[in-house]
Amino acid sequence: MSKKIKGKKVSKNIPKNKTMHPDIPKEWLYMLPEDRTLREMYEVARACKEWEAEYWEEAKALEIAVPEAGSVDIECIEAEEELLSYMREKKAEKVYAVTVVPEYWERARAVMQYLMAHLGGFFCGDTEDFKPEISKEG
């Protein structure tokens, strides 16, 4: 349900704890320096009691549910030439597609940082210039 205020449409359905992040992409890439599997990511994610992880081997997908903040979804993908070139430049061996809820960016980023701390690699936006980039250091 929404209403208009001074000519602008305002949604009433946005919970108060949501923070808008218009510059944060919904789609990310998780690049790893070695061939890590979704099963390994699942084991690492489920060890953290802050969220719940579900792994679907046949679908090649992992969902990390963050309470009251949606989920971080990770899927296997096949890299095309432009992405392969970027991976070579960054010395990445494996890449996964990642989807987050931008409105809960801080919580999604915590999951990303946790995965990087335990498995290595980095995240970058699934954008034309692969920006923004997030690494363990920052």
Protein backbone atom coordinates (compact mmCIF):
# COMPACT_ATOMS: atom_id res chain seq x y z
CA MET A 1 0.00 0.00 0.00
CA SER A 2 1.42 3.40 -0.86
CA LYS A 3 0.33 7.00 -0.69
CA LYS A 4 1.43 10.24 -2.33
CA ILE A 5 3.24 12.95 -0.43
CA LYS A 6 3.91 16.17 -2.37
CA GLY A 7 3.73 14.33 -5.69
CA LYS A 8 5.98 11.43 -4.64
CA LYS A 9 4.89 7.85 -4.13
CA VAL A 10 5.90 6.60 -0.68
CA SER A 11 5.68 2.96 0.33
CA LYS A 12 4.25 2.09 3.72
CA ASN A 13 5.65 -1.44 3.49
CA ILE A 14 9.30 -0.59 4.15
CA PRO A 15 10.17 -1.79 7.65
CA LYS A 16 11.79 0.84 9.84
CA ASN A 17 15.00 -1.18 10.18
CA LYS A 18 15.63 -1.13 6.41
CA THR A 19 18.28 1.24 5.11
CA MET A 20 18.13 2.25 1.47
CA HIS A 21 21.36 1.73 -0.50
CA PRO A 22 20.71 2.80 -4.10
CA ASP A 23 24.38 2.37 -5.07
CA ILE A 24 24.62 -1.25 -3.87
CA PRO A 25 24.01 -3.83 -6.61
CA LYS A 26 21.67 -6.73 -6.01
CA GLU A 27 23.83 -9.04 -8.14
CA TRP A 28 27.42 -9.87 -7.15
CA LEU A 29 30.18 -12.26 -8.14
CA TYR A 30 32.19 -14.22 -5.57
CA MET A 31 35.65 -14.95 -6.97
CA LEU A 32 37.95 -17.45 -5.33
CA PRO A 33 41.66 -18.09 -5.87
CA GLU A 34 41.06 -21.85 -5.77
CA ASP A 35 38.25 -24.20 -6.71
CA ARG A 36 36.01 -24.07 -3.62
CA THR A 37 32.70 -25.89 -3.80
CA LEU A 38 29.23 -24.83 -2.72
CA ARG A 39 29.34 -27.73 -0.26
CA GLU A 40 32.41 -26.12 1.39
CA MET A 41 30.61 -22.75 1.52
CA TYR A 42 27.58 -24.46 3.03
CA GLU A 43 29.66 -26.10 5.76
CA VAL A 44 31.32 -22.77 6.61
CA ALA A 45 28.01 -20.85 6.57
CA ARG A 46 26.10 -23.34 8.70
CA ALA A 47 28.83 -23.23 11.35
CA CYS A 48 27.77 -19.64 12.09
CA LYS A 49 24.76 -19.51 14.38
CA GLU A 50 23.73 -16.00 13.20
CA TRP A 51 21.99 -17.36 10.11
CA GLU A 52 20.68 -20.57 8.55
CA ALA A 53 22.10 -22.16 5.43
CA GLU A 54 20.39 -24.47 2.96
CA TYR A 55 22.24 -26.24 0.16
CA TRP A 56 20.62 -27.78 -2.92
CA GLU A 57 23.25 -29.93 -4.61
CA GLU A 58 21.23 -30.73 -7.75
CA ALA A 59 20.27 -27.09 -8.28
CA LYS A 60 23.84 -25.99 -7.52
CA ALA A 61 22.53 -23.33 -5.16
CA LEU A 62 23.12 -22.19 -1.59
CA GLU A 63 20.84 -19.93 0.42
CA ILE A 64 22.08 -18.22 3.56
CA ALA A 65 19.01 -16.89 5.36
CA VAL A 66 19.72 -13.86 7.52
CA PRO A 67 17.00 -13.30 10.14
CA GLU A 68 14.82 -10.30 9.30
CA ALA A 69 17.09 -9.40 6.37
CA GLY A 70 16.29 -11.75 3.51
CA SER A 71 19.04 -14.00 2.26
CA VAL A 72 22.33 -14.20 0.44
CA ASP A 73 21.87 -16.62 -2.47
CA ILE A 74 24.87 -18.23 -4.16
CA GLU A 75 24.77 -20.20 -7.42
CA CYS A 76 27.23 -21.88 -9.74
CA ILE A 77 27.69 -20.09 -13.06
CA GLU A 78 29.63 -20.59 -16.26
CA ALA A 79 31.94 -17.64 -16.92
CA GLU A 80 31.85 -16.02 -20.34
CA GLU A 81 34.94 -14.58 -22.05
CA GLU A 82 34.81 -11.08 -20.53
CA LEU A 83 34.41 -12.54 -17.05
CA LEU A 84 37.14 -15.13 -17.67
CA SER A 85 39.50 -12.34 -18.70
CA TYR A 86 38.73 -10.44 -15.47
CA MET A 87 39.21 -13.62 -13.45
CA ARG A 88 42.65 -14.18 -15.01
CA GLU A 89 43.59 -10.58 -14.20
CA LYS A 90 42.52 -11.12 -10.57
CA LYS A 91 44.02 -14.63 -10.36
CA ALA A 92 40.64 -16.19 -9.59
CA GLU A 93 40.00 -19.86 -10.33
CA LYS A 94 36.29 -20.09 -9.46
CA VAL A 95 33.32 -17.72 -9.62
CA TYR A 96 29.80 -17.84 -8.22
CA ALA A 97 26.78 -15.59 -8.79
CA VAL A 98 25.50 -13.99 -5.58
CA THR A 99 22.22 -12.19 -4.96
CA VAL A 100 21.65 -9.97 -1.92
CA VAL A 101 18.89 -7.71 -0.64
CA PRO A 102 20.41 -4.20 -0.99
CA GLU A 103 18.09 -2.76 1.66
CA TYR A 104 19.86 -4.98 4.20
CA TRP A 105 23.34 -4.32 2.88
CA GLU A 106 25.12 -4.30 6.26
CA ARG A 107 23.83 -7.79 7.08
CA ALA A 108 24.57 -9.16 3.62
CA ARG A 109 28.06 -7.71 3.80
CA ALA A 110 28.60 -9.48 7.15
CA VAL A 111 27.85 -12.81 5.43
CA MET A 112 30.22 -11.92 2.59
CA GLN A 113 32.99 -10.94 5.03
CA TYR A 114 32.47 -14.19 6.96
CA LEU A 115 32.81 -16.28 3.80
CA MET A 116 35.95 -14.41 2.72
CA ALA A 117 37.50 -14.82 6.17
CA HIS A 118 37.03 -18.58 6.01
CA LEU A 119 37.39 -19.34 2.29
CA GLY A 120 39.35 -16.43 0.82
CA GLY A 121 38.50 -14.65 -2.39
CA PHE A 122 36.61 -11.41 -2.93
CA PHE A 123 33.24 -10.11 -4.08
CA CYS A 124 32.64 -7.68 -6.91
CA GLY A 125 29.52 -6.23 -8.42
CA ASP A 126 28.07 -8.13 -11.36
CA THR A 127 28.33 -4.89 -13.32
CA GLU A 128 30.05 -3.74 -16.50
CA ASP A 129 33.15 -2.63 -14.59
CA PHE A 130 32.93 -5.27 -11.80
CA LYS A 131 32.50 -2.52 -9.19
CA PRO A 132 32.19 -2.17 -6.27
CA GLU A 133 34.75 -4.66 -5.01
CA ILE A 134 34.86 -6.06 -1.49
CA SER A 135 37.84 -7.93 -0.09
CA LYS A 136 38.84 -9.24 3.33
CA GLU A 137 40.86 -6.09 3.88
CA GLY A 138 38.02 -3.67 3.29
